[in-house]
Amino acid sequence: MADITAKFSVNSGTIRVWKISYEVNGEDGLEEALSWKKEIKIDLSVERNCN
């Protein structure tokens, strides 16, 4: 994961959120939206419940 975080200049938490968003919503989940902060909060709650 270190190579991905370096390539995109983001932290590993962001990569995990992107991964969950993609798994739940496909490519549409990776597009920026006006409500992206809300979506991230939802994705983080899903991630916490999965661990």
Protein backbone atom coordinates (compact mmCIF):
# COMPACT_ATOMS: atom_id res chain seq x y z
CA MET A 1 0.00 0.00 0.00
CA ALA A 2 2.95 2.34 0.56
CA ASP A 3 3.55 2.61 -3.18
CA ILE A 4 -0.09 3.61 -3.78
CA THR A 5 -0.11 6.20 -0.99
CA ALA A 6 3.09 7.72 -2.36
CA LYS A 7 1.87 7.69 -5.97
CA PHE A 8 -1.36 9.54 -5.13
CA SER A 9 -0.01 11.57 -2.18
CA VAL A 10 -2.75 10.35 0.15
CA ASN A 11 -2.72 8.43 3.41
CA SER A 12 -3.66 4.78 3.79
CA GLY A 13 -7.02 5.70 5.36
CA THR A 14 -8.01 7.49 2.16
CA ILE A 15 -7.06 4.44 0.10
CA ARG A 16 -9.24 2.25 2.35
CA VAL A 17 -12.18 4.67 1.91
CA TRP A 18 -11.69 4.64 -1.88
CA LYS A 19 -11.60 0.83 -1.85
CA ILE A 20 -14.80 0.52 0.18
CA SER A 21 -16.54 3.14 -1.94
CA TYR A 22 -15.56 1.24 -5.09
CA GLU A 23 -16.72 -2.09 -3.63
CA VAL A 24 -20.10 -0.63 -2.65
CA ASN A 25 -20.76 1.68 -5.62
CA GLY A 26 -18.40 0.61 -8.41
CA GLU A 27 -16.72 3.29 -10.51
CA ASP A 28 -19.48 5.76 -9.61
CA GLY A 29 -18.29 5.55 -6.01
CA LEU A 30 -14.95 7.05 -7.02
CA GLU A 31 -16.38 10.16 -8.61
CA GLU A 32 -16.33 13.33 -6.54
CA ALA A 33 -19.72 14.46 -5.32
CA LEU A 34 -21.05 17.50 -3.52
CA SER A 35 -21.81 15.25 -0.56
CA TRP A 36 -18.42 13.50 -0.51
CA LYS A 37 -17.83 14.26 3.18
CA LYS A 38 -21.10 12.55 4.10
CA GLU A 39 -20.20 9.56 1.92
CA ILE A 40 -16.80 9.23 3.58
CA LYS A 41 -18.42 9.21 7.03
CA ILE A 42 -20.76 6.45 5.87
CA ASP A 43 -17.87 4.47 4.36
CA LEU A 44 -15.81 4.81 7.53
CA SER A 45 -18.69 3.48 9.61
CA VAL A 46 -18.97 0.52 7.24
CA GLU A 47 -15.22 -0.09 7.53
CA ARG A 48 -15.35 0.01 11.34
CA ASN A 49 -18.18 -2.52 11.36
CA CYS A 50 -16.23 -4.84 9.06
CA ASN A 51 -13.13 -4.96 11.26
